[in-house]
Amino acid sequence: MPAGIWVLGGVSMLMDISSEMIHSLLPLFMVTVLGTSTLTVGLIEGLAESTALIVKVFSGVISDYLGKRKALAVAGYALGALTKPLFAMASSTGIVITARLLDRVGKGIRGAPRDALVADIAPAQLRGAAFGLRQALDTVGAFMGPLLAVGLMLLWANDFRAVFWVAVIPGLMAVALLCLGIREPVSSNHGQRSNPVSTVNLRRLSSAYWWTVGIGFAFTLARFSEAFLVLRAQQSGIAIAWIPLVMVAMNVVYAACAYPFGKLSDRLNHNLLLAAGLLVMVGADLVLAWSTHWFALAAGIALWGIHMAITQGLLATMVADTAPADLRGTAFGFFNLLSGIAMLIASTLAGWLWDTYGAAFTFYGSAALCGLALMALLAKPQSH
């Protein structure tokens, strides 16, 4: 595996430690400290994640036009790192929204160029494994962040703001590692620039690529923000300081499974693996809807992590496989635009169902959408 993939994974890990220290506590901070409603939490989460995914379109297109990925990735990680102090200083929901959106704009700027960098650096026969490895390291950060949050919440008697201040440090470390650790591959466009979103270039994006975009939309529509896992854990009676362990558990499973499933995707039928991922998600939804007992919560969260491990790296690999090399940034950008719209719809719907009919209906709704996504997948012509 090229060293650059390990570096990009390390950068993702450090930024995820920083982000998840905040995000694992943020729904509780908004509901218990700032008095925010669950519907508003869903709207904020949906807006935040969809903002990140929509911005990826523009950063992906720009990275293809320039033939340069690294500078945009650095700019995105730097913006993400610089937003962290705003959470610590937030005195109202409005400031949280501003900080969350700016943070996700940073994520959007870096996402498509970074994914395109992975595809540029990794040999074609190792592409699934490379995306799986980067995802696995990213997810190690996603469980280390909440673990640190739990430890500091216990140490500092539930002082949310103090934990948010500590989160600034790994964010700055991520930016430094990216600046120093990555040497950008030579551009495939040999200095010749063309508009990636011109009619001629868009026609080069195949029907197989647009199928992948459509399936990605359906998958994201069925999977709302993990903020609702945190709120479900609160209903089970777990002490506030321990609730971030929900995200730890989910991400431990995700991290452990992402690389093996990534390697598997280099050898198995992609549609078959995606269908398996959807069935696992249905299982997670039904278990989480059925009971708030700690055992059901743990089982549902583990299944959620397995679903993420099966599908996220695989969808990225499918985008990379079906797009021309010089349009990969644009291809990831459009994929993430549609996923962003789906995430906004899904998280808003989840918040509305939760407030109107109760938490269980939120998870039943997700299971129903998984069923629709599975039908769409089965309608896809069989190919690797």
Protein backbone atom coordinates (compact mmCIF):
# COMPACT_ATOMS: atom_id res chain seq x y z
CA MET A 1 0.00 0.00 0.00
CA PRO A 2 1.54 3.38 -0.98
CA ALA A 3 2.72 5.55 1.96
CA GLY A 4 0.49 8.41 0.78
CA ILE A 5 -2.64 6.35 1.57
CA TRP A 6 -1.41 5.86 5.16
CA VAL A 7 -0.71 9.62 5.46
CA LEU A 8 -4.18 10.53 4.15
CA GLY A 9 -5.65 8.01 6.58
CA GLY A 10 -3.66 9.58 9.45
CA VAL A 11 -4.85 13.06 8.51
CA SER A 12 -8.46 11.82 8.43
CA MET A 13 -7.94 10.12 11.80
CA LEU A 14 -6.65 13.26 13.53
CA MET A 15 -9.43 15.46 12.12
CA ASP A 16 -12.03 12.88 13.10
CA ILE A 17 -10.70 12.79 16.67
CA SER A 18 -11.16 16.56 16.75
CA SER A 19 -14.62 16.54 15.14
CA GLU A 20 -16.04 13.57 17.05
CA MET A 21 -14.97 14.94 20.44
CA ILE A 22 -17.46 17.69 19.63
CA HIS A 23 -20.10 15.87 17.57
CA SER A 24 -20.55 13.02 20.08
CA LEU A 25 -21.59 15.61 22.68
CA LEU A 26 -23.20 18.27 20.48
CA PRO A 27 -26.79 16.88 20.35
CA LEU A 28 -26.79 16.64 24.17
CA PHE A 29 -25.19 20.10 24.51
CA MET A 30 -27.89 21.61 22.27
CA VAL A 31 -30.82 19.82 23.98
CA THR A 32 -29.68 20.09 27.65
CA VAL A 33 -27.64 23.33 27.74
CA LEU A 34 -29.11 25.45 24.93
CA GLY A 35 -32.69 24.08 25.07
CA THR A 36 -32.87 23.09 21.38
CA SER A 37 -35.74 20.86 20.12
CA THR A 38 -35.13 17.44 18.53
CA LEU A 39 -36.56 18.66 15.21
CA THR A 40 -34.07 21.55 15.24
CA VAL A 41 -31.22 19.10 16.02
CA GLY A 42 -32.30 17.02 12.99
CA LEU A 43 -32.48 20.12 10.78
CA ILE A 44 -29.03 21.31 11.91
CA GLU A 45 -27.49 17.85 11.39
CA GLY A 46 -29.12 17.48 7.98
CA LEU A 47 -28.09 20.98 6.90
CA ALA A 48 -24.55 20.45 8.18
CA GLU A 49 -23.94 17.12 6.47
CA SER A 50 -25.68 18.16 3.24
CA THR A 51 -23.62 21.40 3.17
CA ALA A 52 -20.43 19.34 3.31
CA LEU A 53 -21.57 17.05 0.54
CA ILE A 54 -22.83 19.88 -1.71
CA VAL A 55 -19.59 21.90 -1.36
CA LYS A 56 -17.72 18.80 -2.56
CA VAL A 57 -19.15 19.38 -6.04
CA PHE A 58 -17.34 22.69 -6.39
CA SER A 59 -14.08 21.53 -4.80
CA GLY A 60 -14.09 18.39 -6.97
CA VAL A 61 -14.63 20.37 -10.17
CA ILE A 62 -11.93 22.90 -9.22
CA SER A 63 -9.43 20.13 -8.39
CA ASP A 64 -10.03 18.53 -11.82
CA TYR A 65 -9.72 21.91 -13.59
CA LEU A 66 -6.45 22.77 -11.85
CA GLY A 67 -5.14 19.21 -11.89
CA LYS A 68 -4.22 19.88 -8.24
CA ARG A 69 -5.77 18.15 -5.24
CA LYS A 70 -3.52 18.86 -2.25
CA ALA A 71 -3.96 22.65 -1.92
CA LEU A 72 -7.76 22.34 -1.78
CA ALA A 73 -7.52 19.50 0.72
CA VAL A 74 -5.24 21.61 2.96
CA ALA A 75 -7.65 24.59 2.74
CA GLY A 76 -10.58 22.35 3.74
CA TYR A 77 -8.81 20.78 6.70
CA ALA A 78 -7.58 24.22 7.86
CA LEU A 79 -11.13 25.66 7.83
CA GLY A 80 -12.36 22.64 9.78
CA ALA A 81 -9.65 23.12 12.41
CA LEU A 82 -10.31 26.85 12.78
CA THR A 83 -14.06 26.42 13.44
CA LYS A 84 -13.56 24.27 16.57
CA PRO A 85 -13.17 27.18 19.05
CA LEU A 86 -16.62 28.50 18.01
CA PHE A 87 -18.31 25.46 19.58
CA ALA A 88 -16.56 26.12 22.88
CA MET A 89 -17.71 29.75 22.87
CA ALA A 90 -21.31 29.10 21.67
CA SER A 91 -23.98 30.74 23.84
CA SER A 92 -26.93 30.11 21.47
CA THR A 93 -28.20 27.61 18.90
CA GLY A 94 -27.43 30.20 16.18
CA ILE A 95 -23.71 30.16 16.96
CA VAL A 96 -23.73 26.34 16.94
CA ILE A 97 -25.41 26.39 13.51
CA THR A 98 -22.77 28.85 12.19
CA ALA A 99 -19.90 26.78 13.57
CA ARG A 100 -21.39 23.50 12.34
CA LEU A 101 -21.98 24.84 8.82
CA LEU A 102 -18.49 26.40 8.54
CA ASP A 103 -16.96 23.15 9.81
CA ARG A 104 -18.88 21.19 7.18
CA VAL A 105 -17.92 23.66 4.42
CA GLY A 106 -14.33 22.76 5.33
CA LYS A 107 -15.20 19.08 5.10
CA GLY A 108 -16.82 19.70 1.72
CA ILE A 109 -13.77 21.55 0.36
CA ARG A 110 -11.40 18.73 1.31
CA GLY A 111 -13.59 15.67 0.63
CA ALA A 112 -13.64 15.23 -3.16
CA PRO A 113 -9.97 16.27 -3.72
CA ARG A 114 -8.90 13.87 -0.94
CA ASP A 115 -10.93 10.96 -2.40
CA ALA A 116 -9.53 11.76 -5.85
CA LEU A 117 -6.01 11.79 -4.31
CA VAL A 118 -6.63 8.29 -2.91
CA ALA A 119 -7.71 7.09 -6.37
CA ASP A 120 -4.68 8.86 -7.98
CA ILE A 121 -2.15 7.37 -5.54
CA ALA A 122 -3.51 3.80 -5.25
CA PRO A 123 -2.84 1.17 -7.96
CA ALA A 124 -6.13 0.13 -9.67
CA GLN A 125 -5.97 -3.43 -8.31
CA LEU A 126 -5.72 -2.12 -4.73
CA ARG A 127 -8.29 0.68 -5.01
CA GLY A 128 -10.98 -0.99 -2.88
CA ALA A 129 -8.41 -1.85 -0.21
CA ALA A 130 -7.00 1.73 -0.31
CA PHE A 131 -10.42 3.31 0.22
CA GLY A 132 -11.10 0.72 2.94
CA LEU A 133 -7.80 1.51 4.70
CA ARG A 134 -8.37 5.29 4.62
CA GLN A 135 -11.93 4.74 5.87
CA ALA A 136 -10.69 2.42 8.63
CA LEU A 137 -8.11 4.97 9.89
CA ASP A 138 -10.73 7.74 9.62
CA THR A 139 -13.03 5.62 11.75
CA VAL A 140 -10.31 4.92 14.35
CA GLY A 141 -10.41 8.69 14.88
CA ALA A 142 -14.18 8.55 15.02
CA PHE A 143 -14.08 6.26 18.06
CA MET A 144 -11.00 7.78 19.74
CA GLY A 145 -12.73 11.21 19.71
CA PRO A 146 -15.80 10.11 21.70
CA LEU A 147 -13.57 8.04 24.05
CA LEU A 148 -11.56 11.17 24.84
CA ALA A 149 -14.83 13.09 25.27
CA VAL A 150 -16.10 10.53 27.82
CA GLY A 151 -12.85 10.61 29.78
CA LEU A 152 -12.75 14.41 29.88
CA MET A 153 -16.47 14.72 30.74
CA LEU A 154 -15.91 12.41 33.72
CA LEU A 155 -12.71 14.23 34.71
CA TRP A 156 -14.22 17.71 34.40
CA ALA A 157 -17.76 17.05 35.73
CA ASN A 158 -19.66 17.33 32.41
CA ASP A 159 -17.94 20.55 31.31
CA PHE A 160 -18.90 20.51 27.61
CA ARG A 161 -16.98 23.69 26.74
CA ALA A 162 -13.66 22.50 28.18
CA VAL A 163 -13.87 19.33 26.06
CA PHE A 164 -14.60 21.42 22.96
CA TRP A 165 -11.44 23.50 23.59
CA VAL A 166 -9.25 20.37 23.76
CA ALA A 167 -10.69 19.28 20.37
CA VAL A 168 -8.83 22.17 18.68
CA ILE A 169 -5.44 20.43 19.12
CA PRO A 170 -5.81 17.28 16.92
CA GLY A 171 -7.47 19.43 14.22
CA LEU A 172 -4.35 21.58 13.91
CA MET A 173 -2.15 18.44 13.93
CA ALA A 174 -4.12 17.06 10.94
CA VAL A 175 -3.39 20.19 8.88
CA ALA A 176 0.33 19.99 9.71
CA LEU A 177 0.56 16.29 8.73
CA LEU A 178 -1.16 16.90 5.38
CA CYS A 179 1.13 19.84 4.56
CA LEU A 180 4.29 17.90 5.36
CA GLY A 181 3.40 14.29 4.53
CA ILE A 182 1.85 14.26 1.04
CA ARG A 183 3.58 14.75 -2.29
CA GLU A 184 0.98 15.22 -5.02
CA PRO A 185 1.16 12.83 -8.02
CA VAL A 186 1.84 14.36 -11.45
CA SER A 187 -1.44 15.54 -13.00
CA SER A 188 -2.92 13.41 -15.78
CA ASN A 189 -4.03 16.48 -17.76
CA HIS A 190 -0.41 17.50 -18.57
CA GLY A 191 -1.11 21.17 -17.86
CA GLN A 192 -4.02 21.33 -20.33
CA ARG A 193 -7.08 22.73 -18.59
CA SER A 194 -10.65 22.13 -19.68
CA ASN A 195 -13.96 22.83 -17.99
CA PRO A 196 -14.88 19.58 -16.13
CA VAL A 197 -18.60 20.47 -16.23
CA SER A 198 -18.70 21.21 -19.97
CA THR A 199 -21.20 19.19 -22.02
CA VAL A 200 -18.37 17.24 -23.67
CA ASN A 201 -16.84 16.21 -20.34
CA LEU A 202 -20.16 15.42 -18.63
CA ARG A 203 -20.98 13.05 -21.50
CA ARG A 204 -17.85 11.11 -20.54
CA LEU A 205 -19.48 10.18 -17.23
CA SER A 206 -20.98 6.79 -18.05
CA SER A 207 -24.44 5.38 -17.29
CA ALA A 208 -22.71 3.03 -14.79
CA TYR A 209 -21.44 6.12 -12.95
CA TRP A 210 -24.90 7.73 -12.82
CA TRP A 211 -26.37 4.45 -11.57
CA THR A 212 -23.85 4.56 -8.72
CA VAL A 213 -24.90 8.16 -7.95
CA GLY A 214 -28.56 7.10 -7.86
CA ILE A 215 -27.87 4.16 -5.57
CA GLY A 216 -25.79 6.42 -3.30
CA PHE A 217 -28.76 8.81 -3.08
CA ALA A 218 -31.11 5.96 -2.13
CA PHE A 219 -28.66 4.66 0.51
CA THR A 220 -28.20 8.08 2.13
CA LEU A 221 -31.97 8.71 2.14
CA ALA A 222 -32.33 5.55 4.24
CA ARG A 223 -29.59 6.55 6.72
CA PHE A 224 -30.07 9.71 8.79
CA SER A 225 -27.49 11.44 11.00
CA GLU A 226 -25.84 9.48 13.83
CA ALA A 227 -27.02 12.29 16.17
CA PHE A 228 -30.22 10.24 16.53
CA LEU A 229 -28.22 7.26 17.87
CA VAL A 230 -26.92 9.57 20.60
CA LEU A 231 -30.45 10.76 21.44
CA ARG A 232 -31.73 7.15 21.47
CA ALA A 233 -28.99 6.26 23.95
CA GLN A 234 -30.18 9.09 26.22
CA GLN A 235 -33.64 7.45 26.28
CA SER A 236 -32.11 4.22 27.54
CA GLY A 237 -31.16 5.96 30.79
CA ILE A 238 -27.37 6.05 30.30
CA ALA A 239 -25.62 8.83 32.26
CA ILE A 240 -24.78 11.83 30.06
CA ALA A 241 -21.00 11.46 30.48
CA TRP A 242 -21.14 7.89 29.11
CA ILE A 243 -23.39 8.53 26.08
CA PRO A 244 -20.49 9.26 23.66
CA LEU A 245 -19.58 5.55 24.10
CA VAL A 246 -22.44 4.93 21.65
CA MET A 247 -20.35 6.52 18.91
CA VAL A 248 -17.25 4.71 20.17
CA ALA A 249 -18.99 1.33 19.86
CA MET A 250 -20.36 2.09 16.39
CA ASN A 251 -17.01 3.33 15.11
CA VAL A 252 -15.00 0.45 16.62
CA VAL A 253 -17.16 -1.95 14.59
CA TYR A 254 -16.90 0.32 11.53
CA ALA A 255 -13.10 0.61 11.81
CA ALA A 256 -12.62 -3.12 12.34
CA CYS A 257 -14.75 -4.06 9.32
CA ALA A 258 -13.98 -1.29 6.77
CA TYR A 259 -10.65 -2.65 5.49
CA PRO A 260 -11.75 -6.33 5.23
CA PHE A 261 -14.90 -5.33 3.35
CA GLY A 262 -12.80 -2.99 1.18
CA LYS A 263 -10.53 -5.91 0.21
CA LEU A 264 -13.61 -8.08 -0.37
CA SER A 265 -15.04 -5.47 -2.76
CA ASP A 266 -11.98 -5.91 -5.01
CA ARG A 267 -13.10 -9.54 -5.56
CA LEU A 268 -16.89 -9.73 -5.09
CA ASN A 269 -19.92 -8.47 -7.01
CA HIS A 270 -20.56 -4.88 -5.90
CA ASN A 271 -24.36 -5.10 -6.10
CA LEU A 272 -24.38 -8.19 -3.89
CA LEU A 273 -22.30 -6.45 -1.23
CA LEU A 274 -24.50 -3.33 -1.34
CA ALA A 275 -27.63 -5.46 -0.93
CA ALA A 276 -26.03 -7.13 2.09
CA GLY A 277 -25.27 -3.69 3.53
CA LEU A 278 -28.90 -2.64 3.17
CA LEU A 279 -30.18 -5.79 4.88
CA VAL A 280 -27.81 -5.14 7.80
CA MET A 281 -29.17 -1.56 8.04
CA VAL A 282 -32.76 -2.86 8.17
CA GLY A 283 -31.70 -5.11 11.06
CA ALA A 284 -30.12 -2.15 12.88
CA ASP A 285 -33.27 -0.03 12.46
CA LEU A 286 -35.64 -2.74 13.68
CA VAL A 287 -33.56 -3.53 16.77
CA LEU A 288 -33.22 0.18 17.69
CA ALA A 289 -36.98 0.74 17.15
CA TRP A 290 -37.93 -2.34 19.16
CA SER A 291 -36.28 -1.54 22.52
CA THR A 292 -34.23 0.99 24.52
CA HIS A 293 -32.65 -1.79 26.60
CA TRP A 294 -28.86 -1.50 26.62
CA PHE A 295 -28.46 -4.88 24.88
CA ALA A 296 -30.77 -3.87 21.99
CA LEU A 297 -29.00 -0.51 21.79
CA ALA A 298 -25.60 -2.24 21.57
CA ALA A 299 -26.80 -4.71 18.92
CA GLY A 300 -28.40 -1.96 16.81
CA ILE A 301 -25.30 0.22 16.99
CA ALA A 302 -23.01 -2.70 16.04
CA LEU A 303 -25.20 -3.51 13.02
CA TRP A 304 -25.15 0.20 12.05
CA GLY A 305 -21.33 0.10 12.08
CA ILE A 306 -21.24 -3.05 9.93
CA HIS A 307 -23.59 -1.40 7.39
CA MET A 308 -21.30 1.64 7.19
CA ALA A 309 -18.21 -0.58 6.76
CA ILE A 310 -19.81 -2.54 3.92
CA THR A 311 -21.21 0.41 1.97
CA GLN A 312 -19.18 3.62 2.38
CA GLY A 313 -15.80 2.54 0.97
CA LEU A 314 -17.56 0.39 -1.63
CA LEU A 315 -19.60 3.30 -3.01
CA ALA A 316 -16.41 5.42 -3.21
CA THR A 317 -14.65 2.59 -5.07
CA MET A 318 -17.58 2.32 -7.52
CA VAL A 319 -17.39 6.08 -8.22
CA ALA A 320 -13.62 5.83 -8.84
CA ASP A 321 -14.04 2.75 -11.07
CA THR A 322 -16.77 4.29 -13.27
CA ALA A 323 -15.26 7.80 -13.77
CA PRO A 324 -12.40 8.90 -16.09
CA ALA A 325 -9.19 9.65 -14.13
CA ASP A 326 -9.17 13.36 -15.05
CA LEU A 327 -12.81 13.79 -13.93
CA ARG A 328 -12.64 11.91 -10.62
CA GLY A 329 -12.91 15.07 -8.51
CA THR A 330 -16.02 16.13 -10.43
CA ALA A 331 -17.44 12.60 -10.24
CA PHE A 332 -17.04 12.48 -6.44
CA GLY A 333 -18.49 16.00 -6.30
CA PHE A 334 -21.75 15.10 -8.09
CA PHE A 335 -22.03 11.87 -6.10
CA ASN A 336 -21.73 13.85 -2.87
CA LEU A 337 -24.15 16.57 -4.03
CA LEU A 338 -26.95 14.03 -4.44
CA SER A 339 -25.96 12.31 -1.18
CA GLY A 340 -26.05 15.72 0.54
CA ILE A 341 -29.59 16.43 -0.62
CA ALA A 342 -30.61 12.95 0.57
CA MET A 343 -28.97 13.52 3.99
CA LEU A 344 -30.85 16.80 4.48
CA ILE A 345 -34.17 15.12 3.64
CA ALA A 346 -33.40 12.07 5.79
CA SER A 347 -32.32 13.94 8.93
CA THR A 348 -35.19 16.45 8.73
CA LEU A 349 -37.69 13.60 8.27
CA ALA A 350 -36.09 11.71 11.18
CA GLY A 351 -36.39 14.74 13.48
CA TRP A 352 -40.03 15.29 12.47
CA LEU A 353 -40.96 11.62 13.01
CA TRP A 354 -39.20 11.66 16.39
CA ASP A 355 -41.03 14.78 17.62
CA THR A 356 -44.42 13.80 16.16
CA TYR A 357 -44.70 10.02 16.60
CA GLY A 358 -41.81 9.04 18.88
CA ALA A 359 -38.31 7.65 18.48
CA ALA A 360 -39.35 4.17 17.31
CA PHE A 361 -41.10 5.58 14.23
CA THR A 362 -37.86 7.30 13.19
CA PHE A 363 -36.14 3.91 12.93
CA TYR A 364 -39.15 2.17 11.33
CA GLY A 365 -39.16 4.94 8.70
CA SER A 366 -35.48 4.32 7.96
CA ALA A 367 -36.13 0.56 7.60
CA ALA A 368 -38.92 1.28 5.09
CA LEU A 369 -36.61 3.53 3.04
CA CYS A 370 -33.96 0.76 3.11
CA GLY A 371 -36.55 -1.54 1.56
CA LEU A 372 -37.12 0.97 -1.26
CA ALA A 373 -33.36 1.33 -1.80
CA LEU A 374 -33.03 -2.47 -1.96
CA MET A 375 -35.73 -2.62 -4.66
CA ALA A 376 -33.87 0.06 -6.65
CA LEU A 377 -30.64 -1.92 -6.30
CA LEU A 378 -32.27 -5.16 -7.48
CA ALA A 379 -33.48 -3.31 -10.59
CA LYS A 380 -29.84 -2.49 -11.50
CA PRO A 381 -28.30 -4.63 -14.28
CA GLN A 382 -25.86 -7.14 -12.77
CA SER A 383 -22.19 -6.18 -13.15
CA HIS A 384 -19.06 -6.13 -11.00
